[in-house]
């Protein structure tokens, strides 16, 4: 089972027990986070696509660390003009361990089908 969640203007595929690196979140390490913008949930051959989000679905996780990515060097030069600029950038990110993907609507549908 996996889900597609949206955070930081990007979409990520998440699975239980795996971690993802997302744009820096406003929380510290060991804080719980909930991604409630779930775009799609896939469970075997069953899938549910939201319009735009799946109702009553969320992915819960814990922030493992806040860190910076490897440095990216940006170098500009104009030939024969003596113009050279060298800059570096390190993007900040949060590493999140996904613990649970919940769909309360799916559980209610299963309970009504059994009854």
PDB file of N, CA and C in Angstrom:
ATOM      1  N   UNK A   1       0.846  -1.178   0.000  1.00  0.00           N
ATOM      2  CA  UNK A   1       0.000   0.000   0.000  1.00  0.00           C
ATOM      3  C   UNK A   1       0.887   1.235   0.000  1.00  0.00           C
ATOM      4  N   UNK A   2       0.570   2.169  -0.885  1.00  0.00           N
ATOM      5  CA  UNK A   2       1.284   3.426  -0.893  1.00  0.00           C
ATOM      6  C   UNK A   2       0.315   4.556  -1.213  1.00  0.00           C
ATOM      7  N   UNK A   3       0.782   5.770  -0.972  1.00  0.00           N
ATOM      8  CA  UNK A   3      -0.051   6.948  -1.217  1.00  0.00           C
ATOM      9  C   UNK A   3       0.794   8.029  -1.865  1.00  0.00           C
ATOM     10  N   UNK A   4       0.129   8.925  -2.561  1.00  0.00           N
ATOM     11  CA  UNK A   4       0.769  10.107  -3.121  1.00  0.00           C
ATOM     12  C   UNK A   4       0.291  11.292  -2.290  1.00  0.00           C
ATOM     13  N   UNK A   5       1.230  11.985  -1.622  1.00  0.00           N
ATOM     14  CA  UNK A   5       0.877  13.139  -0.798  1.00  0.00           C
ATOM     15  C   UNK A   5       1.505  14.398  -1.380  1.00  0.00           C
ATOM     16  N   UNK A   6       0.904  15.523  -1.037  1.00  0.00           N
ATOM     17  CA  UNK A   6       1.407  16.804  -1.512  1.00  0.00           C
ATOM     18  C   UNK A   6       1.871  17.631  -0.316  1.00  0.00           C
ATOM     19  N   UNK A   7       3.102  18.134  -0.405  1.00  0.00           N
ATOM     20  CA  UNK A   7       3.631  19.027   0.612  1.00  0.00           C
ATOM     21  C   UNK A   7       4.727  19.878  -0.004  1.00  0.00           C
ATOM     22  N   UNK A   8       4.783  21.115   0.385  1.00  0.00           N
ATOM     23  CA  UNK A   8       5.813  22.012  -0.131  1.00  0.00           C
ATOM     24  C   UNK A   8       5.693  22.262  -1.619  1.00  0.00           C
ATOM     25  N   UNK A   9       4.480  22.135  -2.177  1.00  0.00           N
ATOM     26  CA  UNK A   9       4.287  22.372  -3.599  1.00  0.00           C
ATOM     27  C   UNK A   9       4.727  21.223  -4.484  1.00  0.00           C
ATOM     28  N   UNK A  10       5.078  20.077  -3.870  1.00  0.00           N
ATOM     29  CA  UNK A  10       5.518  18.910  -4.629  1.00  0.00           C
ATOM     30  C   UNK A  10       4.713  17.692  -4.194  1.00  0.00           C
ATOM     31  N   UNK A  11       4.720  16.666  -5.020  1.00  0.00           N
ATOM     32  CA  UNK A  11       4.033  15.422  -4.691  1.00  0.00           C
ATOM     33  C   UNK A  11       5.061  14.320  -4.474  1.00  0.00           C
ATOM     34  N   UNK A  12       4.825  13.500  -3.438  1.00  0.00           N
ATOM     35  CA  UNK A  12       5.745  12.434  -3.068  1.00  0.00           C
ATOM     36  C   UNK A  12       4.980  11.125  -2.924  1.00  0.00           C
ATOM     37  N   UNK A  13       5.610  10.019  -3.330  1.00  0.00           N
ATOM     38  CA  UNK A  13       5.050   8.692  -3.099  1.00  0.00           C
ATOM     39  C   UNK A  13       5.556   8.210  -1.750  1.00  0.00           C
ATOM     40  N   UNK A  14       4.642   7.864  -0.849  1.00  0.00           N
ATOM     41  CA  UNK A  14       5.022   7.440   0.494  1.00  0.00           C
ATOM     42  C   UNK A  14       4.507   6.027   0.760  1.00  0.00           C
ATOM     43  N   UNK A  15       5.289   5.275   1.532  1.00  0.00           N
ATOM     44  CA  UNK A  15       4.916   3.937   1.969  1.00  0.00           C
ATOM     45  C   UNK A  15       5.192   3.838   3.459  1.00  0.00           C
ATOM     46  N   UNK A  16       4.442   2.982   4.133  1.00  0.00           N
ATOM     47  CA  UNK A  16       4.662   2.775   5.563  1.00  0.00           C
ATOM     48  C   UNK A  16       6.032   2.139   5.788  1.00  0.00           C
ATOM     49  N   UNK A  17       6.767   2.660   6.781  1.00  0.00           N
ATOM     50  CA  UNK A  17       8.064   2.106   7.117  1.00  0.00           C
ATOM     51  C   UNK A  17       9.214   2.646   6.283  1.00  0.00           C
ATOM     52  N   UNK A  18       8.968   3.601   5.388  1.00  0.00           N
ATOM     53  CA  UNK A  18      10.027   4.197   4.569  1.00  0.00           C
ATOM     54  C   UNK A  18      10.084   5.690   4.855  1.00  0.00           C
ATOM     55  N   UNK A  19      11.228   6.291   4.569  1.00  0.00           N
ATOM     56  CA  UNK A  19      11.355   7.726   4.800  1.00  0.00           C
ATOM     57  C   UNK A  19      11.395   8.483   3.474  1.00  0.00           C
ATOM     58  N   UNK A  20      11.058   9.774   3.559  1.00  0.00           N
ATOM     59  CA  UNK A  20      11.124  10.662   2.398  1.00  0.00           C
ATOM     60  C   UNK A  20      11.793  11.958   2.829  1.00  0.00           C
ATOM     61  N   UNK A  21      12.432  12.616   1.885  1.00  0.00           N
ATOM     62  CA  UNK A  21      13.023  13.926   2.117  1.00  0.00           C
ATOM     63  C   UNK A  21      12.120  14.962   1.470  1.00  0.00           C
ATOM     64  N   UNK A  22      11.575  15.884   2.298  1.00  0.00           N
ATOM     65  CA  UNK A  22      10.650  16.906   1.809  1.00  0.00           C
ATOM     66  C   UNK A  22      11.242  18.281   2.083  1.00  0.00           C
ATOM     67  N   UNK A  23      10.626  19.302   1.505  1.00  0.00           N
ATOM     68  CA  UNK A  23      11.032  20.674   1.794  1.00  0.00           C
ATOM     69  C   UNK A  23      10.996  20.885   3.306  1.00  0.00           C
ATOM     70  N   UNK A  24      11.837  21.765   3.806  1.00  0.00           N
ATOM     71  CA  UNK A  24      11.981  21.982   5.241  1.00  0.00           C
ATOM     72  C   UNK A  24      10.636  22.289   5.890  1.00  0.00           C
ATOM     73  N   UNK A  25      10.291  21.498   6.910  1.00  0.00           N
ATOM     74  CA  UNK A  25       9.051  21.699   7.657  1.00  0.00           C
ATOM     75  C   UNK A  25       9.342  22.505   8.911  1.00  0.00           C
ATOM     76  N   UNK A  26       8.342  23.220   9.371  1.00  0.00           N
ATOM     77  CA  UNK A  26       8.499  24.069  10.552  1.00  0.00           C
ATOM     78  C   UNK A  26       8.266  23.239  11.817  1.00  0.00           C
ATOM     79  N   UNK A  27       9.152  22.283  12.080  1.00  0.00           N
ATOM     80  CA  UNK A  27       9.082  21.424  13.249  1.00  0.00           C
ATOM     81  C   UNK A  27      10.478  20.881  13.530  1.00  0.00           C
ATOM     82  N   UNK A  28      10.661  20.386  14.750  1.00  0.00           N
ATOM     83  CA  UNK A  28      11.960  19.866  15.150  1.00  0.00           C
ATOM     84  C   UNK A  28      11.997  18.348  14.989  1.00  0.00           C
ATOM     85  N   UNK A  29      13.176  17.785  15.184  1.00  0.00           N
ATOM     86  CA  UNK A  29      13.333  16.331  15.107  1.00  0.00           C
ATOM     87  C   UNK A  29      12.485  15.672  16.188  1.00  0.00           C
ATOM     88  N   UNK A  30      11.968  14.479  15.890  1.00  0.00           N
ATOM     89  CA  UNK A  30      11.102  13.677  16.768  1.00  0.00           C
ATOM     90  C   UNK A  30       9.701  14.258  16.932  1.00  0.00           C
ATOM     91  N   UNK A  31       9.341  15.284  16.156  1.00  0.00           N
ATOM     92  CA  UNK A  31       7.976  15.801  16.165  1.00  0.00           C
ATOM     93  C   UNK A  31       7.129  14.997  15.185  1.00  0.00           C
ATOM     94  N   UNK A  32       5.860  14.840  15.524  1.00  0.00           N
ATOM     95  CA  UNK A  32       4.939  14.128  14.637  1.00  0.00           C
ATOM     96  C   UNK A  32       4.405  15.089  13.584  1.00  0.00           C
ATOM     97  N   UNK A  33       4.245  14.588  12.362  1.00  0.00           N
ATOM     98  CA  UNK A  33       3.671  15.376  11.276  1.00  0.00           C
ATOM     99  C   UNK A  33       2.564  14.558  10.616  1.00  0.00           C
ATOM    100  N   UNK A  34       1.585  15.279  10.082  1.00  0.00           N
ATOM    101  CA  UNK A  34       0.467  14.641   9.397  1.00  0.00           C
ATOM    102  C   UNK A  34       0.324  15.303   8.036  1.00  0.00           C
ATOM    103  N   UNK A  35       0.370  14.496   6.988  1.00  0.00           N
ATOM    104  CA  UNK A  35       0.145  14.983   5.632  1.00  0.00           C
ATOM    105  C   UNK A  35      -1.314  14.671   5.293  1.00  0.00           C
ATOM    106  N   UNK A  36      -2.156  15.707   5.271  1.00  0.00           N
ATOM    107  CA  UNK A  36      -3.576  15.481   5.021  1.00  0.00           C
ATOM    108  C   UNK A  36      -3.966  15.741   3.569  1.00  0.00           C
ATOM    109  N   UNK A  37      -3.045  16.213   2.753  1.00  0.00           N
ATOM    110  CA  UNK A  37      -3.314  16.418   1.331  1.00  0.00           C
ATOM    111  C   UNK A  37      -2.895  15.160   0.571  1.00  0.00           C
ATOM    112  N   UNK A  38      -3.740  14.140   0.631  1.00  0.00           N
ATOM    113  CA  UNK A  38      -3.470  12.872  -0.036  1.00  0.00           C
ATOM    114  C   UNK A  38      -4.146  12.903  -1.404  1.00  0.00           C
ATOM    115  N   UNK A  39      -3.366  12.799  -2.450  1.00  0.00           N
ATOM    116  CA  UNK A  39      -3.867  12.882  -3.816  1.00  0.00           C
ATOM    117  C   UNK A  39      -4.395  11.531  -4.289  1.00  0.00           C
ATOM    118  N   UNK A  40      -3.720  10.432  -3.872  1.00  0.00           N
ATOM    119  CA  UNK A  40      -4.084   9.108  -4.361  1.00  0.00           C
ATOM    120  C   UNK A  40      -3.641   8.050  -3.366  1.00  0.00           C
ATOM    121  N   UNK A  41      -4.438   6.977  -3.252  1.00  0.00           N
ATOM    122  CA  UNK A  41      -4.076   5.838  -2.413  1.00  0.00           C
ATOM    123  C   UNK A  41      -4.194   4.582  -3.262  1.00  0.00           C
ATOM    124  N   UNK A  42      -3.153   3.740  -3.224  1.00  0.00           N
ATOM    125  CA  UNK A  42      -3.148   2.488  -3.977  1.00  0.00           C
ATOM    126  C   UNK A  42      -2.946   1.354  -2.983  1.00  0.00           C
ATOM    127  N   UNK A  43      -3.891   0.404  -2.998  1.00  0.00           N
ATOM    128  CA  UNK A  43      -3.816  -0.761  -2.124  1.00  0.00           C
ATOM    129  C   UNK A  43      -4.014  -1.996  -2.994  1.00  0.00           C
ATOM    130  N   UNK A  44      -2.920  -2.574  -3.466  1.00  0.00           N
ATOM    131  CA  UNK A  44      -3.000  -3.720  -4.371  1.00  0.00           C
ATOM    132  C   UNK A  44      -3.587  -3.286  -5.707  1.00  0.00           C
ATOM    133  N   UNK A  45      -4.697  -3.919  -6.103  1.00  0.00           N
ATOM    134  CA  UNK A  45      -5.345  -3.534  -7.350  1.00  0.00           C
ATOM    135  C   UNK A  45      -6.398  -2.449  -7.137  1.00  0.00           C
ATOM    136  N   UNK A  46      -6.684  -2.135  -5.865  1.00  0.00           N
ATOM    137  CA  UNK A  46      -7.643  -1.080  -5.561  1.00  0.00           C
ATOM    138  C   UNK A  46      -6.908   0.248  -5.466  1.00  0.00           C
ATOM    139  N   UNK A  47      -7.468   1.259  -6.080  1.00  0.00           N
ATOM    140  CA  UNK A  47      -6.873   2.586  -5.962  1.00  0.00           C
ATOM    141  C   UNK A  47      -7.990   3.605  -5.830  1.00  0.00           C
ATOM    142  N   UNK A  48      -7.665   4.694  -5.148  1.00  0.00           N
ATOM    143  CA  UNK A  48      -8.634   5.763  -4.945  1.00  0.00           C
ATOM    144  C   UNK A  48      -7.937   7.073  -5.279  1.00  0.00           C
ATOM    145  N   UNK A  49      -8.533   7.815  -6.205  1.00  0.00           N
ATOM    146  CA  UNK A  49      -7.966   9.078  -6.652  1.00  0.00           C
ATOM    147  C   UNK A  49      -8.861  10.204  -6.155  1.00  0.00           C
ATOM    148  N   UNK A  50      -8.264  11.218  -5.556  1.00  0.00           N
ATOM    149  CA  UNK A  50      -9.026  12.346  -5.051  1.00  0.00           C
ATOM    150  C   UNK A  50      -9.244  13.401  -6.110  1.00  0.00           C
ATOM    151  N   UNK A  51     -10.217  14.269  -5.832  1.00  0.00           N
ATOM    152  CA  UNK A  51     -10.502  15.372  -6.748  1.00  0.00           C
ATOM    153  C   UNK A  51     -10.634  16.652  -5.960  1.00  0.00           C
ATOM    154  N   UNK A  52      -9.628  17.358  -5.558  1.00  0.00           N
ATOM    155  CA  UNK A  52      -8.217  17.092  -5.799  1.00  0.00           C
ATOM    156  C   UNK A  52      -7.588  16.170  -4.755  1.00  0.00           C
ATOM    157  N   UNK A  53      -8.217  16.035  -3.560  1.00  0.00           N
ATOM    158  CA  UNK A  53      -7.637  15.205  -2.508  1.00  0.00           C
ATOM    159  C   UNK A  53      -8.628  14.125  -2.084  1.00  0.00           C
ATOM    160  N   UNK A  54      -8.098  13.013  -1.568  1.00  0.00           N
ATOM    161  CA  UNK A  54      -8.932  11.929  -1.065  1.00  0.00           C
ATOM    162  C   UNK A  54      -9.499  12.364   0.281  1.00  0.00           C
ATOM    163  N   UNK A  55     -10.811  12.254   0.423  1.00  0.00           N
ATOM    164  CA  UNK A  55     -11.468  12.682   1.666  1.00  0.00           C
ATOM    165  C   UNK A  55     -11.100  11.747   2.814  1.00  0.00           C
ATOM    166  N   UNK A  56     -10.879  12.311   3.981  1.00  0.00           N
ATOM    167  CA  UNK A  56     -10.598  11.575   5.221  1.00  0.00           C
ATOM    168  C   UNK A  56      -9.386  10.668   5.133  1.00  0.00           C
ATOM    169  N   UNK A  57      -8.400  11.038   4.358  1.00  0.00           N
ATOM    170  CA  UNK A  57      -7.179  10.243   4.242  1.00  0.00           C
ATOM    171  C   UNK A  57      -6.000  11.084   4.728  1.00  0.00           C
ATOM    172  N   UNK A  58      -5.038  10.426   5.364  1.00  0.00           N
ATOM    173  CA  UNK A  58      -3.846  11.135   5.825  1.00  0.00           C
ATOM    174  C   UNK A  58      -2.698  10.163   6.004  1.00  0.00           C
ATOM    175  N   UNK A  59      -1.506  10.715   5.937  1.00  0.00           N
ATOM    176  CA  UNK A  59      -0.288   9.944   6.175  1.00  0.00           C
ATOM    177  C   UNK A  59       0.389  10.554   7.401  1.00  0.00           C
ATOM    178  N   UNK A  60       0.691   9.698   8.371  1.00  0.00           N
ATOM    179  CA  UNK A  60       1.294  10.164   9.615  1.00  0.00           C
ATOM    180  C   UNK A  60       2.753   9.732   9.665  1.00  0.00           C
ATOM    181  N   UNK A  61       3.595  10.610  10.205  1.00  0.00           N
ATOM    182  CA  UNK A  61       5.006  10.298  10.288  1.00  0.00           C
ATOM    183  C   UNK A  61       5.706  11.061  11.398  1.00  0.00           C
ATOM    184  N   UNK A  62       7.008  10.825  11.510  1.00  0.00           N
ATOM    185  CA  UNK A  62       7.851  11.473  12.515  1.00  0.00           C
ATOM    186  C   UNK A  62       9.059  12.049  11.801  1.00  0.00           C
ATOM    187  N   UNK A  63       9.443  13.271  12.166  1.00  0.00           N
ATOM    188  CA  UNK A  63      10.619  13.891  11.574  1.00  0.00           C
ATOM    189  C   UNK A  63      11.868  13.256  12.181  1.00  0.00           C
ATOM    190  N   UNK A  64      12.707  12.683  11.329  1.00  0.00           N
ATOM    191  CA  UNK A  64      13.953  12.086  11.800  1.00  0.00           C
ATOM    192  C   UNK A  64      15.023  13.152  12.001  1.00  0.00           C
ATOM    193  N   UNK A  65      15.144  14.080  11.028  1.00  0.00           N
ATOM    194  CA  UNK A  65      16.143  15.138  11.150  1.00  0.00           C
ATOM    195  C   UNK A  65      15.831  16.254  10.173  1.00  0.00           C
ATOM    196  N   UNK A  66      16.324  17.435  10.486  1.00  0.00           N
ATOM    197  CA  UNK A  66      16.338  18.571   9.572  1.00  0.00           C
ATOM    198  C   UNK A  66      17.790  18.781   9.175  1.00  0.00           C
ATOM    199  N   UNK A  67      18.055  18.859   7.874  1.00  0.00           N
ATOM    200  CA  UNK A  67      19.430  18.890   7.413  1.00  0.00           C
ATOM    201  C   UNK A  67      19.522  19.715   6.140  1.00  0.00           C
ATOM    202  N   UNK A  68      20.745  19.792   5.591  1.00  0.00           N
ATOM    203  CA  UNK A  68      20.976  20.461   4.317  1.00  0.00           C
ATOM    204  C   UNK A  68      21.500  19.451   3.311  1.00  0.00           C
ATOM    205  N   UNK A  69      21.117  19.621   2.057  1.00  0.00           N
ATOM    206  CA  UNK A  69      21.571  18.729   0.990  1.00  0.00           C
ATOM    207  C   UNK A  69      23.009  19.078   0.612  1.00  0.00           C
ATOM    208  N   UNK A  70      23.581  18.294  -0.303  1.00  0.00           N
ATOM    209  CA  UNK A  70      24.934  18.572  -0.774  1.00  0.00           C
ATOM    210  C   UNK A  70      24.964  19.909  -1.497  1.00  0.00           C
ATOM    211  N   UNK A  71      26.101  20.549  -1.477  1.00  0.00           N
ATOM    212  CA  UNK A  71      26.243  21.861  -2.092  1.00  0.00           C
ATOM    213  C   UNK A  71      26.212  21.765  -3.611  1.00  0.00           C
ATOM    214  N   UNK A  72      25.467  22.687  -4.205  1.00  0.00           N
ATOM    215  CA  UNK A  72      25.395  22.811  -5.654  1.00  0.00           C
ATOM    216  C   UNK A  72      26.144  24.077  -6.032  1.00  0.00           C
ATOM    217  N   UNK A  73      27.107  23.971  -6.933  1.00  0.00           N
ATOM    218  CA  UNK A  73      27.910  25.119  -7.363  1.00  0.00           C
ATOM    219  C   UNK A  73      27.286  25.720  -8.622  1.00  0.00           C
ATOM    220  N   UNK A  74      27.090  27.032  -8.596  1.00  0.00           N
ATOM    221  CA  UNK A  74      26.582  27.760  -9.757  1.00  0.00           C
ATOM    222  C   UNK A  74      27.699  28.673 -10.226  1.00  0.00           C
ATOM    223  N   UNK A  75      28.137  28.514 -11.468  1.00  0.00           N
ATOM    224  CA  UNK A  75      29.256  29.285 -12.002  1.00  0.00           C
ATOM    225  C   UNK A  75      28.816  29.968 -13.288  1.00  0.00           C
ATOM    226  N   UNK A  76      28.986  31.298 -13.322  1.00  0.00           N
ATOM    227  CA  UNK A  76      28.651  32.070 -14.518  1.00  0.00           C
ATOM    228  C   UNK A  76      29.912  32.711 -15.069  1.00  0.00           C
ATOM    229  N   UNK A  77      29.992  32.811 -16.387  1.00  0.00           N
ATOM    230  CA  UNK A  77      31.151  33.434 -17.008  1.00  0.00           C
ATOM    231  C   UNK A  77      30.751  34.000 -18.361  1.00  0.00           C
ATOM    232  N   UNK A  78      31.266  35.177 -18.663  1.00  0.00           N
ATOM    233  CA  UNK A  78      31.105  35.776 -19.984  1.00  0.00           C
ATOM    234  C   UNK A  78      32.464  35.744 -20.667  1.00  0.00           C
ATOM    235  N   UNK A  79      32.568  35.091 -21.795  1.00  0.00           N
ATOM    236  CA  UNK A  79      33.877  34.993 -22.438  1.00  0.00           C
ATOM    237  C   UNK A  79      34.414  36.357 -22.868  1.00  0.00           C
ATOM    238  N   UNK A  80      35.701  36.534 -22.680  1.00  0.00           N
ATOM    239  CA  UNK A  80      36.454  37.724 -23.115  1.00  0.00           C
ATOM    240  C   UNK A  80      36.048  39.010 -22.415  1.00  0.00           C
ATOM    241  N   UNK A  81      35.286  38.925 -21.323  1.00  0.00           N
ATOM    242  CA  UNK A  81      34.836  40.125 -20.620  1.00  0.00           C
ATOM    243  C   UNK A  81      35.356  40.212 -19.190  1.00  0.00           C
ATOM    244  N   UNK A  82      35.966  39.152 -18.687  1.00  0.00           N
ATOM    245  CA  UNK A  82      36.482  39.163 -17.321  1.00  0.00           C
ATOM    246  C   UNK A  82      35.389  39.025 -16.271  1.00  0.00           C
ATOM    247  N   UNK A  83      34.224  38.549 -16.660  1.00  0.00           N
ATOM    248  CA  UNK A  83      33.092  38.392 -15.744  1.00  0.00           C
ATOM    249  C   UNK A  83      33.022  36.946 -15.292  1.00  0.00           C
ATOM    250  N   UNK A  84      33.202  36.728 -13.975  1.00  0.00           N
ATOM    251  CA  UNK A  84      33.112  35.390 -13.391  1.00  0.00           C
ATOM    252  C   UNK A  84      32.421  35.498 -12.037  1.00  0.00           C
ATOM    253  N   UNK A  85      31.411  34.655 -11.827  1.00  0.00           N
ATOM    254  CA  UNK A  85      30.709  34.621 -10.543  1.00  0.00           C
ATOM    255  C   UNK A  85      30.564  33.158 -10.141  1.00  0.00           C
ATOM    256  N   UNK A  86      30.992  32.842  -8.932  1.00  0.00           N
ATOM    257  CA  UNK A  86      30.862  31.479  -8.417  1.00  0.00           C
ATOM    258  C   UNK A  86      30.062  31.543  -7.125  1.00  0.00           C
ATOM    259  N   UNK A  87      28.957  30.799  -7.099  1.00  0.00           N
ATOM    260  CA  UNK A  87      28.096  30.777  -5.916  1.00  0.00           C
ATOM    261  C   UNK A  87      27.749  29.338  -5.588  1.00  0.00           C
ATOM    262  N   UNK A  88      27.483  29.094  -4.316  1.00  0.00           N
ATOM    263  CA  UNK A  88      27.057  27.771  -3.874  1.00  0.00           C
ATOM    264  C   UNK A  88      25.711  27.858  -3.166  1.00  0.00           C
ATOM    265  N   UNK A  89      24.983  26.742  -3.158  1.00  0.00           N
ATOM    266  CA  UNK A  89      23.675  26.697  -2.502  1.00  0.00           C
ATOM    267  C   UNK A  89      23.468  25.325  -1.887  1.00  0.00           C
ATOM    268  N   UNK A  90      22.969  25.313  -0.642  1.00  0.00           N
ATOM    269  CA  UNK A  90      22.602  24.069   0.026  1.00  0.00           C
ATOM    270  C   UNK A  90      21.139  24.143   0.420  1.00  0.00           C
ATOM    271  N   UNK A  91      20.325  23.302  -0.177  1.00  0.00           N
ATOM    272  CA  UNK A  91      18.884  23.307   0.089  1.00  0.00           C
ATOM    273  C   UNK A  91      18.599  22.590   1.404  1.00  0.00           C
ATOM    274  N   UNK A  92      17.770  23.199   2.258  1.00  0.00           N
ATOM    275  CA  UNK A  92      17.386  22.574   3.514  1.00  0.00           C
ATOM    276  C   UNK A  92      16.225  21.615   3.277  1.00  0.00           C
ATOM    277  N   UNK A  93      16.214  20.508   4.025  1.00  0.00           N
ATOM    278  CA  UNK A  93      15.143  19.527   3.896  1.00  0.00           C
ATOM    279  C   UNK A  93      14.859  18.889   5.244  1.00  0.00           C
ATOM    280  N   UNK A  94      13.717  18.214   5.331  1.00  0.00           N
ATOM    281  CA  UNK A  94      13.343  17.427   6.505  1.00  0.00           C
ATOM    282  C   UNK A  94      13.196  15.980   6.074  1.00  0.00           C
ATOM    283  N   UNK A  95      13.781  15.074   6.830  1.00  0.00           N
ATOM    284  CA  UNK A  95      13.640  13.647   6.563  1.00  0.00           C
ATOM    285  C   UNK A  95      12.524  13.119   7.463  1.00  0.00           C
ATOM    286  N   UNK A  96      11.484  12.551   6.837  1.00  0.00           N
ATOM    287  CA  UNK A  96      10.290  12.113   7.561  1.00  0.00           C
ATOM    288  C   UNK A  96      10.107  10.613   7.382  1.00  0.00           C
ATOM    289  N   UNK A  97       9.959   9.897   8.501  1.00  0.00           N
ATOM    290  CA  UNK A  97       9.643   8.462   8.478  1.00  0.00           C
ATOM    291  C   UNK A  97       8.127   8.316   8.526  1.00  0.00           C
ATOM    292  N   UNK A  98       7.569   7.644   7.519  1.00  0.00           N
ATOM    293  CA  UNK A  98       6.123   7.452   7.444  1.00  0.00           C
ATOM    294  C   UNK A  98       5.753   6.226   8.273  1.00  0.00           C
ATOM    295  N   UNK A  99       4.884   6.426   9.272  1.00  0.00           N
ATOM    296  CA  UNK A  99       4.477   5.334  10.150  1.00  0.00           C
ATOM    297  C   UNK A  99       3.158   4.702   9.742  1.00  0.00           C
ATOM    298  N   UNK A 100       2.203   5.515   9.299  1.00  0.00           N
ATOM    299  CA  UNK A 100       0.866   4.993   9.035  1.00  0.00           C
ATOM    300  C   UNK A 100       0.201   5.781   7.923  1.00  0.00           C
ATOM    301  N   UNK A 101      -0.502   5.068   7.049  1.00  0.00           N
ATOM    302  CA  UNK A 101      -1.357   5.691   6.045  1.00  0.00           C
ATOM    303  C   UNK A 101      -2.780   5.315   6.412  1.00  0.00           C
ATOM    304  N   UNK A 102      -3.591   6.317   6.727  1.00  0.00           N
ATOM    305  CA  UNK A 102      -4.946   6.061   7.214  1.00  0.00           C
ATOM    306  C   UNK A 102      -5.993   6.546   6.223  1.00  0.00           C
ATOM    307  N   UNK A 103      -7.037   5.747   6.095  1.00  0.00           N
ATOM    308  CA  UNK A 103      -8.212   6.143   5.318  1.00  0.00           C
ATOM    309  C   UNK A 103      -9.434   5.776   6.141  1.00  0.00           C
ATOM    310  N   UNK A 104     -10.035   6.754   6.772  1.00  0.00           N
ATOM    311  CA  UNK A 104     -11.206   6.472   7.602  1.00  0.00           C
ATOM    312  C   UNK A 104     -12.406   6.141   6.743  1.00  0.00           C
ATOM    313  N   UNK A 105     -12.497   6.690   5.542  1.00  0.00           N
ATOM    314  CA  UNK A 105     -13.619   6.392   4.652  1.00  0.00           C
ATOM    315  C   UNK A 105     -13.585   4.932   4.207  1.00  0.00           C
ATOM    316  N   UNK A 106     -12.393   4.392   3.973  1.00  0.00           N
ATOM    317  CA  UNK A 106     -12.262   2.991   3.543  1.00  0.00           C
ATOM    318  C   UNK A 106     -12.685   2.044   4.662  1.00  0.00           C
ATOM    319  N   UNK A 107     -12.346   2.361   5.905  1.00  0.00           N
ATOM    320  CA  UNK A 107     -12.728   1.508   7.028  1.00  0.00           C
ATOM    321  C   UNK A 107     -14.235   1.504   7.213  1.00  0.00           C
ATOM    322  N   UNK A 108     -14.868   2.679   7.080  1.00  0.00           N
ATOM    323  CA  UNK A 108     -16.319   2.760   7.220  1.00  0.00           C
ATOM    324  C   UNK A 108     -17.010   1.992   6.109  1.00  0.00           C
ATOM    325  N   UNK A 109     -16.496   2.033   4.891  1.00  0.00           N
ATOM    326  CA  UNK A 109     -17.084   1.312   3.767  1.00  0.00           C
ATOM    327  C   UNK A 109     -16.987  -0.199   3.977  1.00  0.00           C
ATOM    328  N   UNK A 110     -15.865  -0.673   4.535  1.00  0.00           N
ATOM    329  CA  UNK A 110     -15.695  -2.088   4.794  1.00  0.00           C
ATOM    330  C   UNK A 110     -16.658  -2.553   5.877  1.00  0.00           C
ATOM    331  N   UNK A 111     -16.858  -1.731   6.920  1.00  0.00           N
ATOM    332  CA  UNK A 111     -17.760  -2.101   7.996  1.00  0.00           C
ATOM    333  C   UNK A 111     -19.198  -2.185   7.504  1.00  0.00           C
ATOM    334  N   UNK A 112     -19.608  -1.263   6.648  1.00  0.00           N
ATOM    335  CA  UNK A 112     -20.973  -1.301   6.116  1.00  0.00           C
ATOM    336  C   UNK A 112     -21.160  -2.466   5.151  1.00  0.00           C
ATOM    337  N   UNK A 113     -20.124  -2.845   4.425  1.00  0.00           N
ATOM    338  CA  UNK A 113     -20.213  -3.976   3.491  1.00  0.00           C
ATOM    339  C   UNK A 113     -20.352  -5.289   4.261  1.00  0.00           C
ATOM    340  N   UNK A 114     -19.695  -5.406   5.406  1.00  0.00           N
ATOM    341  CA  UNK A 114     -19.785  -6.613   6.209  1.00  0.00           C
ATOM    342  C   UNK A 114     -21.142  -6.751   6.872  1.00  0.00           C
ATOM    343  N   UNK A 115     -21.769  -5.639   7.206  1.00  0.00           N
ATOM    344  CA  UNK A 115     -23.061  -5.662   7.913  1.00  0.00           C
ATOM    345  C   UNK A 115     -24.218  -5.965   7.009  1.00  0.00           C
TER     346      UNK A 115
END
